[in-house]
Amino acid sequence: MDLELRRSGSILMAKIHGELDLSTSPAFRDQIEAELQQAEDLQHLILDFTETSFIDSSGLGVILGRYKTITQRGGRLSAVNVPLHLQKLFELSGLLNVMTIYPSLQEAQNKI
């Protein structure tokens, strides 16, 4: 997994390349948390799944953990460019109860 992070105002955008699973979830968590600690004004997290091929239960858990961190800051967790197989996974896992999916990054930024 490779994680591309970008800031825009109070929004942290994270593009996930590859798989988010047991072996890569700790790195994902650590990189997101490091960014959030460096900038206390970051309030929202947008996850871009364009290049994400697979997510397992560890990946779902680490996403849920970032949701808790973001909501403590009064922010929102959003996802963009989610492939159909991941949309189904998010629906079955209940993750869509805490995360909103948008068709594009621009639309997600406009809704925050």
PDB file of N, CA and C in Angstrom:
ATOM      1  N   MET A   1       0.834  -1.173   0.000  1.00  0.00           N
ATOM      2  CA  MET A   1       0.000   0.000   0.000  1.00  0.00           C
ATOM      3  C   MET A   1       0.881   1.240   0.000  1.00  0.00           C
ATOM      4  N   ASP A   2       0.451   2.186  -0.777  1.00  0.00           N
ATOM      5  CA  ASP A   2       1.087   3.490  -0.794  1.00  0.00           C
ATOM      6  C   ASP A   2      -0.005   4.497  -0.489  1.00  0.00           C
ATOM      7  N   LEU A   3       0.303   5.472   0.340  1.00  0.00           N
ATOM      8  CA  LEU A   3      -0.687   6.453   0.766  1.00  0.00           C
ATOM      9  C   LEU A   3      -0.219   7.838   0.347  1.00  0.00           C
ATOM     10  N   GLU A   4      -1.046   8.498  -0.428  1.00  0.00           N
ATOM     11  CA  GLU A   4      -0.757   9.849  -0.900  1.00  0.00           C
ATOM     12  C   GLU A   4      -1.644  10.819  -0.110  1.00  0.00           C
ATOM     13  N   LEU A   5      -1.014  11.688   0.681  1.00  0.00           N
ATOM     14  CA  LEU A   5      -1.749  12.620   1.528  1.00  0.00           C
ATOM     15  C   LEU A   5      -1.628  14.041   1.006  1.00  0.00           C
ATOM     16  N   ARG A   6      -2.739  14.774   1.101  1.00  0.00           N
ATOM     17  CA  ARG A   6      -2.771  16.163   0.665  1.00  0.00           C
ATOM     18  C   ARG A   6      -3.721  16.940   1.565  1.00  0.00           C
ATOM     19  N   ARG A   7      -3.358  18.166   1.891  1.00  0.00           N
ATOM     20  CA  ARG A   7      -4.194  19.025   2.725  1.00  0.00           C
ATOM     21  C   ARG A   7      -4.821  20.127   1.884  1.00  0.00           C
ATOM     22  N   SER A   8      -6.022  20.509   2.265  1.00  0.00           N
ATOM     23  CA  SER A   8      -6.704  21.647   1.658  1.00  0.00           C
ATOM     24  C   SER A   8      -7.560  22.278   2.746  1.00  0.00           C
ATOM     25  N   GLY A   9      -7.056  23.349   3.335  1.00  0.00           N
ATOM     26  CA  GLY A   9      -7.776  23.983   4.439  1.00  0.00           C
ATOM     27  C   GLY A   9      -7.898  23.028   5.614  1.00  0.00           C
ATOM     28  N   SER A  10      -9.135  22.765   6.024  1.00  0.00           N
ATOM     29  CA  SER A  10      -9.380  21.879   7.167  1.00  0.00           C
ATOM     30  C   SER A  10      -9.588  20.431   6.738  1.00  0.00           C
ATOM     31  N   ILE A  11      -9.294  20.128   5.469  1.00  0.00           N
ATOM     32  CA  ILE A  11      -9.535  18.792   4.926  1.00  0.00           C
ATOM     33  C   ILE A  11      -8.207  18.075   4.663  1.00  0.00           C
ATOM     34  N   LEU A  12      -8.135  16.826   5.125  1.00  0.00           N
ATOM     35  CA  LEU A  12      -7.022  15.943   4.779  1.00  0.00           C
ATOM     36  C   LEU A  12      -7.553  14.936   3.773  1.00  0.00           C
ATOM     37  N   MET A  13      -6.901  14.860   2.612  1.00  0.00           N
ATOM     38  CA  MET A  13      -7.292  13.909   1.576  1.00  0.00           C
ATOM     39  C   MET A  13      -6.248  12.802   1.509  1.00  0.00           C
ATOM     40  N   ALA A  14      -6.721  11.568   1.518  1.00  0.00           N
ATOM     41  CA  ALA A  14      -5.818  10.416   1.494  1.00  0.00           C
ATOM     42  C   ALA A  14      -6.200   9.498   0.344  1.00  0.00           C
ATOM     43  N   LYS A  15      -5.279   9.324  -0.600  1.00  0.00           N
ATOM     44  CA  LYS A  15      -5.498   8.415  -1.724  1.00  0.00           C
ATOM     45  C   LYS A  15      -4.735   7.125  -1.436  1.00  0.00           C
ATOM     46  N   ILE A  16      -5.477   6.032  -1.403  1.00  0.00           N
ATOM     47  CA  ILE A  16      -4.915   4.733  -1.036  1.00  0.00           C
ATOM     48  C   ILE A  16      -4.621   3.939  -2.304  1.00  0.00           C
ATOM     49  N   HIS A  17      -3.359   3.599  -2.502  1.00  0.00           N
ATOM     50  CA  HIS A  17      -2.931   2.790  -3.649  1.00  0.00           C
ATOM     51  C   HIS A  17      -2.653   1.370  -3.162  1.00  0.00           C
ATOM     52  N   GLY A  18      -3.317   0.392  -3.749  1.00  0.00           N
ATOM     53  CA  GLY A  18      -3.047  -0.994  -3.386  1.00  0.00           C
ATOM     54  C   GLY A  18      -4.057  -1.549  -2.402  1.00  0.00           C
ATOM     55  N   GLU A  19      -3.580  -2.414  -1.513  1.00  0.00           N
ATOM     56  CA  GLU A  19      -4.448  -3.110  -0.567  1.00  0.00           C
ATOM     57  C   GLU A  19      -4.357  -2.499   0.822  1.00  0.00           C
ATOM     58  N   LEU A  20      -5.499  -2.445   1.492  1.00  0.00           N
ATOM     59  CA  LEU A  20      -5.564  -2.004   2.887  1.00  0.00           C
ATOM     60  C   LEU A  20      -5.968  -3.228   3.694  1.00  0.00           C
ATOM     61  N   ASP A  21      -4.966  -3.886   4.274  1.00  0.00           N
ATOM     62  CA  ASP A  21      -5.210  -5.155   4.946  1.00  0.00           C
ATOM     63  C   ASP A  21      -4.388  -5.258   6.229  1.00  0.00           C
ATOM     64  N   LEU A  22      -4.323  -6.453   6.781  1.00  0.00           N
ATOM     65  CA  LEU A  22      -3.632  -6.672   8.051  1.00  0.00           C
ATOM     66  C   LEU A  22      -2.197  -6.157   8.036  1.00  0.00           C
ATOM     67  N   SER A  23      -1.510  -6.333   6.928  1.00  0.00           N
ATOM     68  CA  SER A  23      -0.100  -5.930   6.881  1.00  0.00           C
ATOM     69  C   SER A  23       0.085  -4.429   6.615  1.00  0.00           C
ATOM     70  N   THR A  24      -0.894  -3.767   6.009  1.00  0.00           N
ATOM     71  CA  THR A  24      -0.734  -2.350   5.666  1.00  0.00           C
ATOM     72  C   THR A  24      -1.534  -1.399   6.552  1.00  0.00           C
ATOM     73  N   SER A  25      -2.493  -1.918   7.287  1.00  0.00           N
ATOM     74  CA  SER A  25      -3.337  -1.059   8.130  1.00  0.00           C
ATOM     75  C   SER A  25      -2.554  -0.247   9.167  1.00  0.00           C
ATOM     76  N   PRO A  26      -1.545  -0.821   9.827  1.00  0.00           N
ATOM     77  CA  PRO A  26      -0.786  -0.018  10.792  1.00  0.00           C
ATOM     78  C   PRO A  26      -0.102   1.197  10.152  1.00  0.00           C
ATOM     79  N   ALA A  27       0.449   1.021   8.960  1.00  0.00           N
ATOM     80  CA  ALA A  27       1.097   2.146   8.275  1.00  0.00           C
ATOM     81  C   ALA A  27       0.075   3.211   7.902  1.00  0.00           C
ATOM     82  N   PHE A  28      -1.092   2.784   7.436  1.00  0.00           N
ATOM     83  CA  PHE A  28      -2.176   3.722   7.117  1.00  0.00           C
ATOM     84  C   PHE A  28      -2.541   4.539   8.357  1.00  0.00           C
ATOM     85  N   ARG A  29      -2.795   3.832   9.456  1.00  0.00           N
ATOM     86  CA  ARG A  29      -3.158   4.498  10.709  1.00  0.00           C
ATOM     87  C   ARG A  29      -2.079   5.486  11.145  1.00  0.00           C
ATOM     88  N   ASP A  30      -0.846   5.054  11.138  1.00  0.00           N
ATOM     89  CA  ASP A  30       0.256   5.894  11.612  1.00  0.00           C
ATOM     90  C   ASP A  30       0.436   7.145  10.757  1.00  0.00           C
ATOM     91  N   GLN A  31       0.322   6.999   9.450  1.00  0.00           N
ATOM     92  CA  GLN A  31       0.506   8.155   8.565  1.00  0.00           C
ATOM     93  C   GLN A  31      -0.627   9.170   8.715  1.00  0.00           C
ATOM     94  N   ILE A  32      -1.860   8.681   8.808  1.00  0.00           N
ATOM     95  CA  ILE A  32      -3.001   9.587   8.997  1.00  0.00           C
ATOM     96  C   ILE A  32      -2.885  10.296  10.347  1.00  0.00           C
ATOM     97  N   GLU A  33      -2.597   9.542  11.392  1.00  0.00           N
ATOM     98  CA  GLU A  33      -2.494  10.132  12.729  1.00  0.00           C
ATOM     99  C   GLU A  33      -1.355  11.149  12.806  1.00  0.00           C
ATOM    100  N   ALA A  34      -0.242  10.888  12.153  1.00  0.00           N
ATOM    101  CA  ALA A  34       0.877  11.828  12.149  1.00  0.00           C
ATOM    102  C   ALA A  34       0.456  13.150  11.507  1.00  0.00           C
ATOM    103  N   GLU A  35      -0.270  13.077  10.404  1.00  0.00           N
ATOM    104  CA  GLU A  35      -0.757  14.302   9.749  1.00  0.00           C
ATOM    105  C   GLU A  35      -1.720  15.060  10.654  1.00  0.00           C
ATOM    106  N   LEU A  36      -2.611  14.336  11.297  1.00  0.00           N
ATOM    107  CA  LEU A  36      -3.591  14.976  12.175  1.00  0.00           C
ATOM    108  C   LEU A  36      -2.921  15.622  13.385  1.00  0.00           C
ATOM    109  N   GLN A  37      -1.876  15.007  13.902  1.00  0.00           N
ATOM    110  CA  GLN A  37      -1.160  15.579  15.043  1.00  0.00           C
ATOM    111  C   GLN A  37      -0.381  16.820  14.659  1.00  0.00           C
ATOM    112  N   GLN A  38       0.126  16.857  13.426  1.00  0.00           N
ATOM    113  CA  GLN A  38       0.905  18.005  12.963  1.00  0.00           C
ATOM    114  C   GLN A  38       0.035  19.233  12.738  1.00  0.00           C
ATOM    115  N   ALA A  39      -1.221  19.018  12.396  1.00  0.00           N
ATOM    116  CA  ALA A  39      -2.095  20.147  12.066  1.00  0.00           C
ATOM    117  C   ALA A  39      -3.416  20.011  12.802  1.00  0.00           C
ATOM    118  N   GLU A  40      -3.539  20.726  13.890  1.00  0.00           N
ATOM    119  CA  GLU A  40      -4.749  20.642  14.706  1.00  0.00           C
ATOM    120  C   GLU A  40      -5.970  21.220  14.006  1.00  0.00           C
ATOM    121  N   ASP A  41      -5.748  22.006  12.928  1.00  0.00           N
ATOM    122  CA  ASP A  41      -6.874  22.594  12.207  1.00  0.00           C
ATOM    123  C   ASP A  41      -7.503  21.615  11.213  1.00  0.00           C
ATOM    124  N   LEU A  42      -6.874  20.456  10.990  1.00  0.00           N
ATOM    125  CA  LEU A  42      -7.465  19.446  10.119  1.00  0.00           C
ATOM    126  C   LEU A  42      -8.681  18.853  10.820  1.00  0.00           C
ATOM    127  N   GLN A  43      -9.811  18.933  10.145  1.00  0.00           N
ATOM    128  CA  GLN A  43     -11.058  18.520  10.777  1.00  0.00           C
ATOM    129  C   GLN A  43     -11.763  17.403  10.021  1.00  0.00           C
ATOM    130  N   HIS A  44     -11.565  17.336   8.706  1.00  0.00           N
ATOM    131  CA  HIS A  44     -12.276  16.385   7.862  1.00  0.00           C
ATOM    132  C   HIS A  44     -11.282  15.463   7.157  1.00  0.00           C
ATOM    133  N   LEU A  45     -11.747  14.242   6.864  1.00  0.00           N
ATOM    134  CA  LEU A  45     -10.921  13.271   6.158  1.00  0.00           C
ATOM    135  C   LEU A  45     -11.699  12.739   4.966  1.00  0.00           C
ATOM    136  N   ILE A  46     -11.093  12.858   3.774  1.00  0.00           N
ATOM    137  CA  ILE A  46     -11.671  12.291   2.557  1.00  0.00           C
ATOM    138  C   ILE A  46     -10.739  11.191   2.077  1.00  0.00           C
ATOM    139  N   LEU A  47     -11.274   9.988   1.956  1.00  0.00           N
ATOM    140  CA  LEU A  47     -10.507   8.835   1.487  1.00  0.00           C
ATOM    141  C   LEU A  47     -10.830   8.592   0.016  1.00  0.00           C
ATOM    142  N   ASP A  48      -9.801   8.540  -0.813  1.00  0.00           N
ATOM    143  CA  ASP A  48      -9.957   8.306  -2.243  1.00  0.00           C
ATOM    144  C   ASP A  48      -9.554   6.861  -2.540  1.00  0.00           C
ATOM    145  N   PHE A  49     -10.524   6.079  -3.019  1.00  0.00           N
ATOM    146  CA  PHE A  49     -10.310   4.652  -3.262  1.00  0.00           C
ATOM    147  C   PHE A  49     -10.110   4.309  -4.739  1.00  0.00           C
ATOM    148  N   THR A  50      -9.771   5.285  -5.560  1.00  0.00           N
ATOM    149  CA  THR A  50      -9.568   5.060  -6.993  1.00  0.00           C
ATOM    150  C   THR A  50      -8.599   3.919  -7.249  1.00  0.00           C
ATOM    151  N   GLU A  51      -7.515   3.881  -6.511  1.00  0.00           N
ATOM    152  CA  GLU A  51      -6.447   2.907  -6.737  1.00  0.00           C
ATOM    153  C   GLU A  51      -6.415   1.790  -5.693  1.00  0.00           C
ATOM    154  N   THR A  52      -7.514   1.630  -4.938  1.00  0.00           N
ATOM    155  CA  THR A  52      -7.557   0.613  -3.886  1.00  0.00           C
ATOM    156  C   THR A  52      -8.142  -0.676  -4.445  1.00  0.00           C
ATOM    157  N   SER A  53      -7.371  -1.748  -4.361  1.00  0.00           N
ATOM    158  CA  SER A  53      -7.809  -3.016  -4.949  1.00  0.00           C
ATOM    159  C   SER A  53      -8.508  -3.938  -3.950  1.00  0.00           C
ATOM    160  N   PHE A  54      -8.204  -3.795  -2.664  1.00  0.00           N
ATOM    161  CA  PHE A  54      -8.722  -4.754  -1.678  1.00  0.00           C
ATOM    162  C   PHE A  54      -8.701  -4.130  -0.291  1.00  0.00           C
ATOM    163  N   ILE A  55      -9.729  -4.444   0.504  1.00  0.00           N
ATOM    164  CA  ILE A  55      -9.771  -4.056   1.914  1.00  0.00           C
ATOM    165  C   ILE A  55     -10.295  -5.246   2.695  1.00  0.00           C
ATOM    166  N   ASP A  56      -9.603  -5.607   3.795  1.00  0.00           N
ATOM    167  CA  ASP A  56     -10.091  -6.680   4.661  1.00  0.00           C
ATOM    168  C   ASP A  56     -10.626  -6.084   5.963  1.00  0.00           C
ATOM    169  N   SER A  57     -10.935  -6.935   6.931  1.00  0.00           N
ATOM    170  CA  SER A  57     -11.521  -6.457   8.184  1.00  0.00           C
ATOM    171  C   SER A  57     -10.574  -5.532   8.943  1.00  0.00           C
ATOM    172  N   SER A  58      -9.275  -5.749   8.828  1.00  0.00           N
ATOM    173  CA  SER A  58      -8.307  -4.855   9.464  1.00  0.00           C
ATOM    174  C   SER A  58      -8.378  -3.464   8.843  1.00  0.00           C
ATOM    175  N   GLY A  59      -8.534  -3.427   7.528  1.00  0.00           N
ATOM    176  CA  GLY A  59      -8.677  -2.157   6.829  1.00  0.00           C
ATOM    177  C   GLY A  59      -9.940  -1.432   7.231  1.00  0.00           C
ATOM    178  N   LEU A  60     -11.047  -2.185   7.356  1.00  0.00           N
ATOM    179  CA  LEU A  60     -12.300  -1.574   7.809  1.00  0.00           C
ATOM    180  C   LEU A  60     -12.141  -1.014   9.215  1.00  0.00           C
ATOM    181  N   GLY A  61     -11.451  -1.759  10.055  1.00  0.00           N
ATOM    182  CA  GLY A  61     -11.240  -1.313  11.433  1.00  0.00           C
ATOM    183  C   GLY A  61     -10.410  -0.046  11.518  1.00  0.00           C
ATOM    184  N   VAL A  62      -9.384   0.059  10.700  1.00  0.00           N
ATOM    185  CA  VAL A  62      -8.532   1.241  10.739  1.00  0.00           C
ATOM    186  C   VAL A  62      -9.281   2.458  10.173  1.00  0.00           C
ATOM    187  N   ILE A  63     -10.155   2.250   9.207  1.00  0.00           N
ATOM    188  CA  ILE A  63     -10.988   3.351   8.703  1.00  0.00           C
ATOM    189  C   ILE A  63     -11.943   3.811   9.803  1.00  0.00           C
ATOM    190  N   LEU A  64     -12.556   2.865  10.487  1.00  0.00           N
ATOM    191  CA  LEU A  64     -13.466   3.211  11.582  1.00  0.00           C
ATOM    192  C   LEU A  64     -12.737   3.964  12.695  1.00  0.00           C
ATOM    193  N   GLY A  65     -11.515   3.584  12.970  1.00  0.00           N
ATOM    194  CA  GLY A  65     -10.718   4.293  13.976  1.00  0.00           C
ATOM    195  C   GLY A  65     -10.452   5.734  13.585  1.00  0.00           C
ATOM    196  N   ARG A  66     -10.216   5.992  12.299  1.00  0.00           N
ATOM    197  CA  ARG A  66      -9.998   7.380  11.841  1.00  0.00           C
ATOM    198  C   ARG A  66     -11.302   8.167  11.924  1.00  0.00           C
ATOM    199  N   TYR A  67     -12.437   7.481  11.720  1.00  0.00           N
ATOM    200  CA  TYR A  67     -13.739   8.137  11.888  1.00  0.00           C
ATOM    201  C   TYR A  67     -13.871   8.670  13.317  1.00  0.00           C
ATOM    202  N   LYS A  68     -13.491   7.861  14.280  1.00  0.00           N
ATOM    203  CA  LYS A  68     -13.587   8.287  15.682  1.00  0.00           C
ATOM    204  C   LYS A  68     -12.696   9.494  15.939  1.00  0.00           C
ATOM    205  N   THR A  69     -11.501   9.478  15.398  1.00  0.00           N
ATOM    206  CA  THR A  69     -10.577  10.602  15.566  1.00  0.00           C
ATOM    207  C   THR A  69     -11.138  11.871  14.941  1.00  0.00           C
ATOM    208  N   ILE A  70     -11.672  11.746  13.735  1.00  0.00           N
ATOM    209  CA  ILE A  70     -12.200  12.903  13.007  1.00  0.00           C
ATOM    210  C   ILE A  70     -13.436  13.472  13.702  1.00  0.00           C
ATOM    211  N   THR A  71     -14.324  12.616  14.167  1.00  0.00           N
ATOM    212  CA  THR A  71     -15.541  13.124  14.816  1.00  0.00           C
ATOM    213  C   THR A  71     -15.223  13.801  16.141  1.00  0.00           C
ATOM    214  N   GLN A  72     -14.154  13.398  16.799  1.00  0.00           N
ATOM    215  CA  GLN A  72     -13.741  14.094  18.029  1.00  0.00           C
ATOM    216  C   GLN A  72     -13.317  15.517  17.737  1.00  0.00           C
ATOM    217  N   ARG A  73     -12.943  15.785  16.497  1.00  0.00           N
ATOM    218  CA  ARG A  73     -12.568  17.136  16.064  1.00  0.00           C
ATOM    219  C   ARG A  73     -13.766  17.888  15.492  1.00  0.00           C
ATOM    220  N   GLY A  74     -14.924  17.241  15.504  1.00  0.00           N
ATOM    221  CA  GLY A  74     -16.114  17.861  14.951  1.00  0.00           C
ATOM    222  C   GLY A  74     -16.206  17.757  13.444  1.00  0.00           C
ATOM    223  N   GLY A  75     -15.457  16.824  12.849  1.00  0.00           N
ATOM    224  CA  GLY A  75     -15.400  16.707  11.396  1.00  0.00           C
ATOM    225  C   GLY A  75     -16.199  15.550  10.844  1.00  0.00           C
ATOM    226  N   ARG A  76     -16.019  15.346   9.539  1.00  0.00           N
ATOM    227  CA  ARG A  76     -16.732  14.299   8.818  1.00  0.00           C
ATOM    228  C   ARG A  76     -15.756  13.418   8.056  1.00  0.00           C
ATOM    229  N   LEU A  77     -16.138  12.147   7.909  1.00  0.00           N
ATOM    230  CA  LEU A  77     -15.390  11.182   7.112  1.00  0.00           C
ATOM    231  C   LEU A  77     -16.153  10.955   5.815  1.00  0.00           C
ATOM    232  N   SER A  78     -15.460  11.102   4.692  1.00  0.00           N
ATOM    233  CA  SER A  78     -16.072  10.910   3.381  1.00  0.00           C
ATOM    234  C   SER A  78     -15.176  10.023   2.534  1.00  0.00           C
ATOM    235  N   ALA A  79     -15.789   9.440   1.503  1.00  0.00           N
ATOM    236  CA  ALA A  79     -15.041   8.604   0.557  1.00  0.00           C
ATOM    237  C   ALA A  79     -15.415   9.019  -0.862  1.00  0.00           C
ATOM    238  N   VAL A  80     -14.444   8.892  -1.762  1.00  0.00           N
ATOM    239  CA  VAL A  80     -14.687   9.210  -3.170  1.00  0.00           C
ATOM    240  C   VAL A  80     -14.103   8.111  -4.056  1.00  0.00           C
ATOM    241  N   ASN A  81     -14.631   8.060  -5.268  1.00  0.00           N
ATOM    242  CA  ASN A  81     -14.136   7.109  -6.272  1.00  0.00           C
ATOM    243  C   ASN A  81     -14.097   5.683  -5.734  1.00  0.00           C
ATOM    244  N   VAL A  82     -15.197   5.261  -5.126  1.00  0.00           N
ATOM    245  CA  VAL A  82     -15.261   3.936  -4.505  1.00  0.00           C
ATOM    246  C   VAL A  82     -15.756   2.914  -5.529  1.00  0.00           C
ATOM    247  N   PRO A  83     -14.933   1.921  -5.859  1.00  0.00           N
ATOM    248  CA  PRO A  83     -15.370   0.874  -6.796  1.00  0.00           C
ATOM    249  C   PRO A  83     -16.568   0.101  -6.224  1.00  0.00           C
ATOM    250  N   LEU A  84     -17.354  -0.473  -7.101  1.00  0.00           N
ATOM    251  CA  LEU A  84     -18.568  -1.171  -6.692  1.00  0.00           C
ATOM    252  C   LEU A  84     -18.301  -2.264  -5.659  1.00  0.00           C
ATOM    253  N   HIS A  85     -17.223  -3.043  -5.833  1.00  0.00           N
ATOM    254  CA  HIS A  85     -16.955  -4.127  -4.879  1.00  0.00           C
ATOM    255  C   HIS A  85     -16.653  -3.572  -3.481  1.00  0.00           C
ATOM    256  N   LEU A  86     -16.056  -2.390  -3.397  1.00  0.00           N
ATOM    257  CA  LEU A  86     -15.804  -1.790  -2.078  1.00  0.00           C
ATOM    258  C   LEU A  86     -17.064  -1.143  -1.522  1.00  0.00           C
ATOM    259  N   GLN A  87     -17.911  -0.593  -2.381  1.00  0.00           N
ATOM    260  CA  GLN A  87     -19.184  -0.039  -1.918  1.00  0.00           C
ATOM    261  C   GLN A  87     -20.007  -1.120  -1.234  1.00  0.00           C
ATOM    262  N   LYS A  88     -20.036  -2.301  -1.837  1.00  0.00           N
ATOM    263  CA  LYS A  88     -20.780  -3.422  -1.250  1.00  0.00           C
ATOM    264  C   LYS A  88     -20.183  -3.822   0.102  1.00  0.00           C
ATOM    265  N   LEU A  89     -18.859  -3.852   0.180  1.00  0.00           N
ATOM    266  CA  LEU A  89     -18.187  -4.180   1.429  1.00  0.00           C
ATOM    267  C   LEU A  89     -18.538  -3.156   2.513  1.00  0.00           C
ATOM    268  N   PHE A  90     -18.498  -1.876   2.158  1.00  0.00           N
ATOM    269  CA  PHE A  90     -18.821  -0.815   3.122  1.00  0.00           C
ATOM    270  C   PHE A  90     -20.273  -0.920   3.581  1.00  0.00           C
ATOM    271  N   GLU A  91     -21.156  -1.266   2.667  1.00  0.00           N
ATOM    272  CA  GLU A  91     -22.567  -1.411   3.005  1.00  0.00           C
ATOM    273  C   GLU A  91     -22.780  -2.579   3.963  1.00  0.00           C
ATOM    274  N   LEU A  92     -22.201  -3.731   3.628  1.00  0.00           N
ATOM    275  CA  LEU A  92     -22.352  -4.926   4.461  1.00  0.00           C
ATOM    276  C   LEU A  92     -21.741  -4.749   5.846  1.00  0.00           C
ATOM    277  N   SER A  93     -20.655  -4.000   5.933  1.00  0.00           N
ATOM    278  CA  SER A  93     -19.967  -3.820   7.207  1.00  0.00           C
ATOM    279  C   SER A  93     -20.609  -2.755   8.083  1.00  0.00           C
ATOM    280  N   GLY A  94     -21.502  -1.959   7.509  1.00  0.00           N
ATOM    281  CA  GLY A  94     -22.126  -0.877   8.270  1.00  0.00           C
ATOM    282  C   GLY A  94     -21.325   0.415   8.245  1.00  0.00           C
ATOM    283  N   LEU A  95     -20.222   0.423   7.510  1.00  0.00           N
ATOM    284  CA  LEU A  95     -19.371   1.611   7.456  1.00  0.00           C
ATOM    285  C   LEU A  95     -20.089   2.805   6.823  1.00  0.00           C
ATOM    286  N   LEU A  96     -21.084   2.528   5.993  1.00  0.00           N
ATOM    287  CA  LEU A  96     -21.820   3.630   5.364  1.00  0.00           C
ATOM    288  C   LEU A  96     -22.678   4.394   6.363  1.00  0.00           C
ATOM    289  N   ASN A  97     -22.821   3.848   7.570  1.00  0.00           N
ATOM    290  CA  ASN A  97     -23.530   4.581   8.619  1.00  0.00           C
ATOM    291  C   ASN A  97     -22.695   5.736   9.171  1.00  0.00           C
ATOM    292  N   VAL A  98     -21.388   5.692   8.959  1.00  0.00           N
ATOM    293  CA  VAL A  98     -20.503   6.729   9.501  1.00  0.00           C
ATOM    294  C   VAL A  98     -19.722   7.467   8.422  1.00  0.00           C
ATOM    295  N   MET A  99     -19.821   7.002   7.181  1.00  0.00           N
ATOM    296  CA  MET A  99     -19.047   7.582   6.090  1.00  0.00           C
ATOM    297  C   MET A  99     -19.963   7.809   4.896  1.00  0.00           C
ATOM    298  N   THR A 100     -19.822   8.965   4.268  1.00  0.00           N
ATOM    299  CA  THR A 100     -20.605   9.282   3.077  1.00  0.00           C
ATOM    300  C   THR A 100     -19.740   9.101   1.841  1.00  0.00           C
ATOM    301  N   ILE A 101     -20.306   8.470   0.813  1.00  0.00           N
ATOM    302  CA  ILE A 101     -19.600   8.279  -0.448  1.00  0.00           C
ATOM    303  C   ILE A 101     -20.068   9.333  -1.448  1.00  0.00           C
ATOM    304  N   TYR A 102     -19.101   9.974  -2.083  1.00  0.00           N
ATOM    305  CA  TYR A 102     -19.375  10.953  -3.131  1.00  0.00           C
ATOM    306  C   TYR A 102     -18.728  10.472  -4.425  1.00  0.00           C
ATOM    307  N   PRO A 103     -19.304  10.842  -5.575  1.00  0.00           N
ATOM    308  CA  PRO A 103     -18.745  10.390  -6.845  1.00  0.00           C
ATOM    309  C   PRO A 103     -17.409  11.042  -7.206  1.00  0.00           C
ATOM    310  N   SER A 104     -17.116  12.222  -6.624  1.00  0.00           N
ATOM    311  CA  SER A 104     -15.874  12.908  -6.961  1.00  0.00           C
ATOM    312  C   SER A 104     -15.326  13.669  -5.764  1.00  0.00           C
ATOM    313  N   LEU A 105     -14.046  13.948  -5.831  1.00  0.00           N
ATOM    314  CA  LEU A 105     -13.390  14.729  -4.777  1.00  0.00           C
ATOM    315  C   LEU A 105     -13.998  16.125  -4.675  1.00  0.00           C
ATOM    316  N   GLN A 106     -14.268  16.729  -5.800  1.00  0.00           N
ATOM    317  CA  GLN A 106     -14.841  18.068  -5.823  1.00  0.00           C
ATOM    318  C   GLN A 106     -16.183  18.109  -5.097  1.00  0.00           C
ATOM    319  N   GLU A 107     -17.028  17.125  -5.367  1.00  0.00           N
ATOM    320  CA  GLU A 107     -18.342  17.080  -4.712  1.00  0.00           C
ATOM    321  C   GLU A 107     -18.201  16.871  -3.204  1.00  0.00           C
ATOM    322  N   ALA A 108     -17.276  16.028  -2.796  1.00  0.00           N
ATOM    323  CA  ALA A 108     -17.050  15.805  -1.370  1.00  0.00           C
ATOM    324  C   ALA A 108     -16.594  17.094  -0.691  1.00  0.00           C
ATOM    325  N   GLN A 109     -15.676  17.809  -1.325  1.00  0.00           N
ATOM    326  CA  GLN A 109     -15.184  19.063  -0.754  1.00  0.00           C
ATOM    327  C   GLN A 109     -16.313  20.098  -0.665  1.00  0.00           C
ATOM    328  N   ASN A 110     -17.188  20.122  -1.648  1.00  0.00           N
ATOM    329  CA  ASN A 110     -18.290  21.079  -1.645  1.00  0.00           C
ATOM    330  C   ASN A 110     -19.309  20.780  -0.563  1.00  0.00           C
ATOM    331  N   LYS A 111     -19.447  19.511  -0.161  1.00  0.00           N
ATOM    332  CA  LYS A 111     -20.448  19.117   0.837  1.00  0.00           C
ATOM    333  C   LYS A 111     -19.965  19.296   2.275  1.00  0.00           C
ATOM    334  N   ILE A 112     -18.671  19.492   2.429  1.00  0.00           N
ATOM    335  CA  ILE A 112     -18.129  19.631   3.790  1.00  0.00           C
ATOM    336  C   ILE A 112     -18.320  21.039   4.288  1.00  0.00           C
TER     337      ILE A 112
END
